[in-house]
Amino acid sequence: MGFQKRSIRGRIYQVFIPPTYVPNRPWPTIVFLHGVGENGTDGEKHLNVGLPQYIRANEQTFPAFVIAPQCKGPWKFVGDDEDLILDAVTAAQREWRIDSKRIYLTGMSQGGCSTFDLGARYPDRWAGLVVVCGAGTPSDAGRIIAPLWIYHGEKDEV
């Protein structure tokens, strides 16, 4: 199993399928949004950072599906990039037994900003949000209904 390339309307994204997957129970899913340095269309570069990098080192024990779209850029998952996220989640729900009450959204930097934005724009879709070194519009926070964790290190000068 592991990471597998998928495509929607010519856009490549990756899905991690847990090696212990069996369809007799619903599975949690995490959507991971990368930072601006991984923007592109190769369907690979964004797997070298953050959660996908961790999963590659711990593939045999990672207990959830992970959907990892790649942002074309230039900044944030909006427009076609936003559609790719939503369509990839829908496609996973059709193909595997995904628990619709346990779909989580996380991202770092550009992906963290997009996590905040998508949490506010689609509040009923997410079971939880984790923003890592990202930002958001404070007035949007009131629309987010899922638990929200925001992490930003003191040593990050950006």
Protein backbone atom coordinates (compact mmCIF):
# COMPACT_ATOMS: atom_id res chain seq x y z
CA MET A 1 0.00 0.00 0.00
CA GLY A 2 1.76 3.27 1.05
CA PHE A 3 1.58 6.45 -1.05
CA GLN A 4 -0.16 6.14 -4.39
CA LYS A 5 -0.52 8.74 -7.13
CA ARG A 6 -4.04 9.64 -8.13
CA SER A 7 -5.36 12.13 -10.63
CA ILE A 8 -8.46 14.31 -10.95
CA ARG A 9 -8.93 16.39 -14.12
CA GLY A 10 -5.23 15.98 -14.89
CA ARG A 11 -4.09 17.13 -11.43
CA ILE A 12 -1.87 14.68 -9.57
CA TYR A 13 -2.18 14.17 -5.82
CA GLN A 14 -1.06 11.42 -3.46
CA VAL A 15 -3.00 9.18 -1.10
CA PHE A 16 -1.41 7.18 1.69
CA ILE A 17 -3.23 3.89 2.23
CA PRO A 18 -2.46 2.29 5.60
CA PRO A 19 -0.92 -1.17 5.18
CA THR A 20 -3.41 -2.51 7.72
CA TYR A 21 -6.44 -1.18 5.84
CA VAL A 22 -9.48 -3.44 5.89
CA PRO A 23 -12.91 -2.23 4.80
CA ASN A 24 -14.77 -3.72 7.77
CA ARG A 25 -14.52 -0.46 9.75
CA PRO A 26 -14.44 3.26 8.89
CA TRP A 27 -10.98 4.87 8.76
CA PRO A 28 -9.80 8.35 9.76
CA THR A 29 -8.33 10.57 7.07
CA ILE A 30 -5.93 13.49 7.24
CA VAL A 31 -5.60 16.05 4.47
CA PHE A 32 -2.07 17.50 4.47
CA LEU A 33 -1.31 20.85 2.80
CA HIS A 34 2.37 21.65 2.21
CA GLY A 35 4.29 24.93 2.21
CA VAL A 36 5.04 27.22 -0.73
CA GLY A 37 8.46 25.64 -1.33
CA GLU A 38 6.76 22.45 -2.50
CA ASN A 39 4.41 24.08 -5.03
CA GLY A 40 4.41 22.48 -8.46
CA THR A 41 2.81 19.79 -10.56
CA ASP A 42 5.19 16.81 -10.28
CA GLY A 43 3.08 15.07 -7.63
CA GLU A 44 6.22 14.23 -5.62
CA LYS A 45 8.00 17.24 -4.13
CA HIS A 46 5.44 17.79 -1.37
CA LEU A 47 6.02 14.28 0.03
CA ASN A 48 9.47 15.28 1.29
CA VAL A 49 8.25 17.54 4.11
CA GLY A 50 5.96 17.48 7.12
CA LEU A 51 3.50 14.67 7.64
CA PRO A 52 4.32 12.70 4.44
CA GLN A 53 8.00 12.70 5.40
CA TYR A 54 7.09 11.34 8.84
CA ILE A 55 4.80 8.70 7.33
CA ARG A 56 7.52 7.46 4.98
CA ALA A 57 9.67 6.75 8.03
CA ASN A 58 6.78 5.05 9.86
CA GLU A 59 4.71 3.55 7.03
CA GLN A 60 4.03 0.21 8.67
CA THR A 61 2.40 1.70 11.75
CA PHE A 62 0.67 4.87 10.51
CA PRO A 63 -3.04 4.36 11.32
CA ALA A 64 -4.87 6.70 8.92
CA PHE A 65 -5.39 7.59 5.29
CA VAL A 66 -3.60 10.75 4.19
CA ILE A 67 -4.55 12.84 1.18
CA ALA A 68 -1.70 15.05 -0.01
CA PRO A 69 -2.60 17.42 -2.85
CA GLN A 70 0.08 19.58 -4.44
CA CYS A 71 -0.59 23.29 -4.87
CA LYS A 72 0.27 24.75 -8.29
CA GLY A 73 0.80 28.12 -6.70
CA PRO A 74 1.67 30.85 -6.66
CA TRP A 75 0.17 31.13 -3.16
CA LYS A 76 -2.35 29.18 -1.09
CA PHE A 77 -4.74 26.40 -2.03
CA VAL A 78 -7.44 28.43 -3.80
CA GLY A 79 -9.40 28.02 -7.02
CA ASP A 80 -8.36 24.79 -8.80
CA ASP A 81 -6.15 23.83 -5.84
CA GLU A 82 -9.08 24.14 -3.43
CA ASP A 83 -11.28 22.10 -5.79
CA LEU A 84 -8.58 19.40 -5.91
CA ILE A 85 -8.68 19.06 -2.11
CA LEU A 86 -12.45 18.71 -1.94
CA ASP A 87 -12.63 16.37 -4.94
CA ALA A 88 -9.80 14.16 -3.60
CA VAL A 89 -11.65 13.72 -0.30
CA THR A 90 -14.84 12.81 -2.18
CA ALA A 91 -12.93 10.33 -4.37
CA ALA A 92 -11.39 8.68 -1.29
CA GLN A 93 -14.81 8.35 0.30
CA ARG A 94 -16.04 6.55 -2.83
CA GLU A 95 -13.06 4.20 -3.04
CA TRP A 96 -12.40 3.31 0.59
CA ARG A 97 -14.34 3.17 3.82
CA ILE A 98 -13.53 6.67 5.08
CA ASP A 99 -15.11 7.87 8.32
CA SER A 100 -16.79 11.15 7.36
CA LYS A 101 -16.79 12.21 11.03
CA ARG A 102 -12.98 11.85 11.24
CA ILE A 103 -11.59 13.88 8.35
CA TYR A 104 -8.88 16.21 9.62
CA LEU A 105 -7.13 19.09 7.86
CA THR A 106 -3.58 20.20 8.56
CA GLY A 107 -0.95 22.24 6.82
CA MET A 108 2.31 24.03 7.30
CA SER A 109 3.18 27.59 6.28
CA GLN A 110 1.19 28.24 3.07
CA GLY A 111 -0.72 25.05 3.85
CA GLY A 112 -1.35 26.28 7.40
CA CYS A 113 -2.86 29.49 6.06
CA SER A 114 -5.00 27.43 3.69
CA THR A 115 -6.04 25.13 6.56
CA PHE A 116 -7.35 28.14 8.46
CA ASP A 117 -9.15 29.46 5.35
CA LEU A 118 -10.73 26.11 4.42
CA GLY A 119 -11.74 25.50 8.02
CA ALA A 120 -13.73 28.73 7.93
CA ARG A 121 -15.12 28.19 4.42
CA TYR A 122 -16.19 24.57 4.95
CA PRO A 123 -16.78 24.32 8.71
CA ASP A 124 -18.90 21.14 8.55
CA ARG A 125 -16.32 19.07 6.64
CA TRP A 126 -13.54 18.83 9.22
CA ALA A 127 -13.28 16.97 12.53
CA GLY A 128 -10.26 19.03 13.52
CA LEU A 129 -7.75 21.54 12.14
CA VAL A 130 -4.03 21.85 12.85
CA VAL A 131 -2.28 24.97 11.57
CA VAL A 132 1.53 24.77 11.67
CA CYS A 133 3.42 28.05 11.16
CA GLY A 134 0.49 29.53 9.26
CA ALA A 135 -1.86 32.44 9.72
CA GLY A 136 -5.48 33.35 9.24
CA THR A 137 -7.91 36.21 9.35
CA PRO A 138 -9.10 36.60 12.96
CA SER A 139 -12.66 37.39 11.84
CA ASP A 140 -12.77 33.96 10.11
CA ALA A 141 -12.11 32.15 13.40
CA GLY A 142 -15.74 32.52 14.48
CA ARG A 143 -16.88 30.39 11.52
CA ILE A 144 -14.60 27.49 12.44
CA ILE A 145 -16.52 24.91 14.47
CA ALA A 146 -13.98 22.06 14.57
CA PRO A 147 -11.30 21.98 17.25
CA LEU A 148 -8.45 24.21 16.07
CA TRP A 149 -4.80 24.02 17.10
CA ILE A 150 -2.35 26.68 15.90
CA TYR A 151 1.38 26.13 16.34
CA HIS A 152 4.16 28.59 15.57
CA GLY A 153 7.65 28.40 17.04
CA GLU A 154 9.33 31.38 18.69
CA LYS A 155 12.46 30.90 16.59
CA ASP A 156 10.61 31.24 13.27
CA GLU A 157 11.45 34.79 12.17
CA VAL A 158 9.00 34.69 9.26
